[in-house]
Amino acid sequence: MIENFAFSPADLQVRPGEKVTVVNRDSASHTVTATGDKAFDTGTIRAGATATFTAPSTPGSHSYLCTIHPNMKGTLTVT
């Protein structure tokens, strides 16, 4: 979930290949974009909208941010 210009939870643990749905509860658009390897990217999620992406298929830790508001950061851990 995105709310008050923050990811909640910012640190998320998922299974390989799991579908992750992001709900944007803010009045601004956001993205959920992996840094470095670019393993996932929701594209722009409009205010009040949702987006789904597939977690990487191999275990590991992936930092992510909102490309529109780069101060919004988190970590997706695939186990």
C-alpha atoms as a PDB file:
ATOM      1  CA  MET A   1       0.000   0.000   0.000  1.00  0.00           C
ATOM      2  CA  ILE A   2       1.071   3.568  -0.639  1.00  0.00           C
ATOM      3  CA  GLU A   3      -0.216   6.154   1.783  1.00  0.00           C
ATOM      4  CA  ASN A   4       1.089   9.531   2.973  1.00  0.00           C
ATOM      5  CA  PHE A   5       3.968   9.331   0.476  1.00  0.00           C
ATOM      6  CA  ALA A   6       5.284   6.092   2.013  1.00  0.00           C
ATOM      7  CA  PHE A   7       5.218   2.374   1.216  1.00  0.00           C
ATOM      8  CA  SER A   8       3.494   0.240   3.842  1.00  0.00           C
ATOM      9  CA  PRO A   9       5.119  -2.054   4.627  1.00  0.00           C
ATOM     10  CA  ALA A  10       8.358  -0.658   3.229  1.00  0.00           C
ATOM     11  CA  ASP A  11      10.057  -4.030   3.691  1.00  0.00           C
ATOM     12  CA  LEU A  12       8.014  -6.842   2.154  1.00  0.00           C
ATOM     13  CA  GLN A  13       8.779 -10.570   2.003  1.00  0.00           C
ATOM     14  CA  VAL A  14       7.247 -12.671  -0.804  1.00  0.00           C
ATOM     15  CA  ARG A  15       7.677 -16.035  -2.553  1.00  0.00           C
ATOM     16  CA  PRO A  16       9.377 -16.337  -5.944  1.00  0.00           C
ATOM     17  CA  GLY A  17       6.970 -15.433  -8.756  1.00  0.00           C
ATOM     18  CA  GLU A  18       4.259 -14.248  -6.342  1.00  0.00           C
ATOM     19  CA  LYS A  19       1.851 -11.569  -7.592  1.00  0.00           C
ATOM     20  CA  VAL A  20       2.098  -8.339  -5.594  1.00  0.00           C
ATOM     21  CA  THR A  21      -0.765  -5.836  -5.747  1.00  0.00           C
ATOM     22  CA  VAL A  22      -0.078  -2.221  -4.808  1.00  0.00           C
ATOM     23  CA  VAL A  23      -2.892   0.124  -3.767  1.00  0.00           C
ATOM     24  CA  ASN A  24      -2.207   3.852  -4.066  1.00  0.00           C
ATOM     25  CA  ARG A  25      -4.210   5.675  -1.392  1.00  0.00           C
ATOM     26  CA  ASP A  26      -2.487   8.997  -2.012  1.00  0.00           C
ATOM     27  CA  SER A  27      -3.769  11.932  -4.058  1.00  0.00           C
ATOM     28  CA  ALA A  28      -0.588  11.802  -6.202  1.00  0.00           C
ATOM     29  CA  SER A  29       0.699   9.253  -8.706  1.00  0.00           C
ATOM     30  CA  HIS A  30       3.528   6.884  -7.691  1.00  0.00           C
ATOM     31  CA  THR A  31       5.583   3.951  -8.999  1.00  0.00           C
ATOM     32  CA  VAL A  32       7.096   0.840  -7.422  1.00  0.00           C
ATOM     33  CA  THR A  33      10.351   0.430  -9.343  1.00  0.00           C
ATOM     34  CA  ALA A  34      13.255  -1.874  -8.503  1.00  0.00           C
ATOM     35  CA  THR A  35      16.615  -0.127  -8.434  1.00  0.00           C
ATOM     36  CA  GLY A  36      19.751  -1.652  -9.898  1.00  0.00           C
ATOM     37  CA  ASP A  37      18.557  -4.799 -11.692  1.00  0.00           C
ATOM     38  CA  LYS A  38      15.132  -3.311 -12.603  1.00  0.00           C
ATOM     39  CA  ALA A  39      13.544  -6.679 -11.692  1.00  0.00           C
ATOM     40  CA  PHE A  40      10.070  -5.113 -11.460  1.00  0.00           C
ATOM     41  CA  ASP A  41       8.291  -1.857 -12.239  1.00  0.00           C
ATOM     42  CA  THR A  42       4.605  -1.047 -11.867  1.00  0.00           C
ATOM     43  CA  GLY A  43       4.749   1.980 -14.104  1.00  0.00           C
ATOM     44  CA  THR A  44       2.751   4.977 -12.928  1.00  0.00           C
ATOM     45  CA  ILE A  45      -0.039   4.167 -10.461  1.00  0.00           C
ATOM     46  CA  ARG A  46      -2.570   6.980 -10.506  1.00  0.00           C
ATOM     47  CA  ALA A  47      -4.109   8.298  -7.289  1.00  0.00           C
ATOM     48  CA  GLY A  48      -6.669   5.809  -5.965  1.00  0.00           C
ATOM     49  CA  ALA A  49      -5.619   3.107  -8.442  1.00  0.00           C
ATOM     50  CA  THR A  50      -3.969  -0.299  -8.065  1.00  0.00           C
ATOM     51  CA  ALA A  51      -1.219  -2.096  -9.956  1.00  0.00           C
ATOM     52  CA  THR A  52       0.091  -5.664  -9.863  1.00  0.00           C
ATOM     53  CA  PHE A  53       3.572  -6.968 -10.593  1.00  0.00           C
ATOM     54  CA  THR A  54       5.221 -10.372 -10.385  1.00  0.00           C
ATOM     55  CA  ALA A  55       8.054 -10.833  -7.904  1.00  0.00           C
ATOM     56  CA  PRO A  56      11.352 -12.093  -9.331  1.00  0.00           C
ATOM     57  CA  SER A  57      11.594 -15.877  -9.658  1.00  0.00           C
ATOM     58  CA  THR A  58      14.901 -16.201  -7.831  1.00  0.00           C
ATOM     59  CA  PRO A  59      15.499 -15.530  -4.118  1.00  0.00           C
ATOM     60  CA  GLY A  60      17.186 -12.286  -3.192  1.00  0.00           C
ATOM     61  CA  SER A  61      16.707  -8.773  -1.918  1.00  0.00           C
ATOM     62  CA  HIS A  62      15.598  -5.947  -4.217  1.00  0.00           C
ATOM     63  CA  SER A  63      15.606  -2.278  -3.242  1.00  0.00           C
ATOM     64  CA  TYR A  64      12.827  -0.222  -4.794  1.00  0.00           C
ATOM     65  CA  LEU A  65      11.629   3.350  -4.923  1.00  0.00           C
ATOM     66  CA  CYS A  66       9.050   5.644  -6.443  1.00  0.00           C
ATOM     67  CA  THR A  67      10.650   7.207  -9.524  1.00  0.00           C
ATOM     68  CA  ILE A  68       8.360  10.246  -9.161  1.00  0.00           C
ATOM     69  CA  HIS A  69       9.223  10.723  -5.450  1.00  0.00           C
ATOM     70  CA  PRO A  70      12.678   9.101  -4.979  1.00  0.00           C
ATOM     71  CA  ASN A  71      12.634   9.690  -1.225  1.00  0.00           C
ATOM     72  CA  MET A  72      10.039   6.861  -1.037  1.00  0.00           C
ATOM     73  CA  LYS A  73      12.067   3.648  -0.645  1.00  0.00           C
ATOM     74  CA  GLY A  74      11.633   0.030   0.365  1.00  0.00           C
ATOM     75  CA  THR A  75      12.957  -3.507   0.033  1.00  0.00           C
ATOM     76  CA  LEU A  76      11.312  -6.570  -1.523  1.00  0.00           C
ATOM     77  CA  THR A  77      12.822  -9.825  -0.251  1.00  0.00           C
ATOM     78  CA  VAL A  78      12.129 -12.981  -2.250  1.00  0.00           C
ATOM     79  CA  THR A  79      12.525 -16.166  -0.181  1.00  0.00           C
END
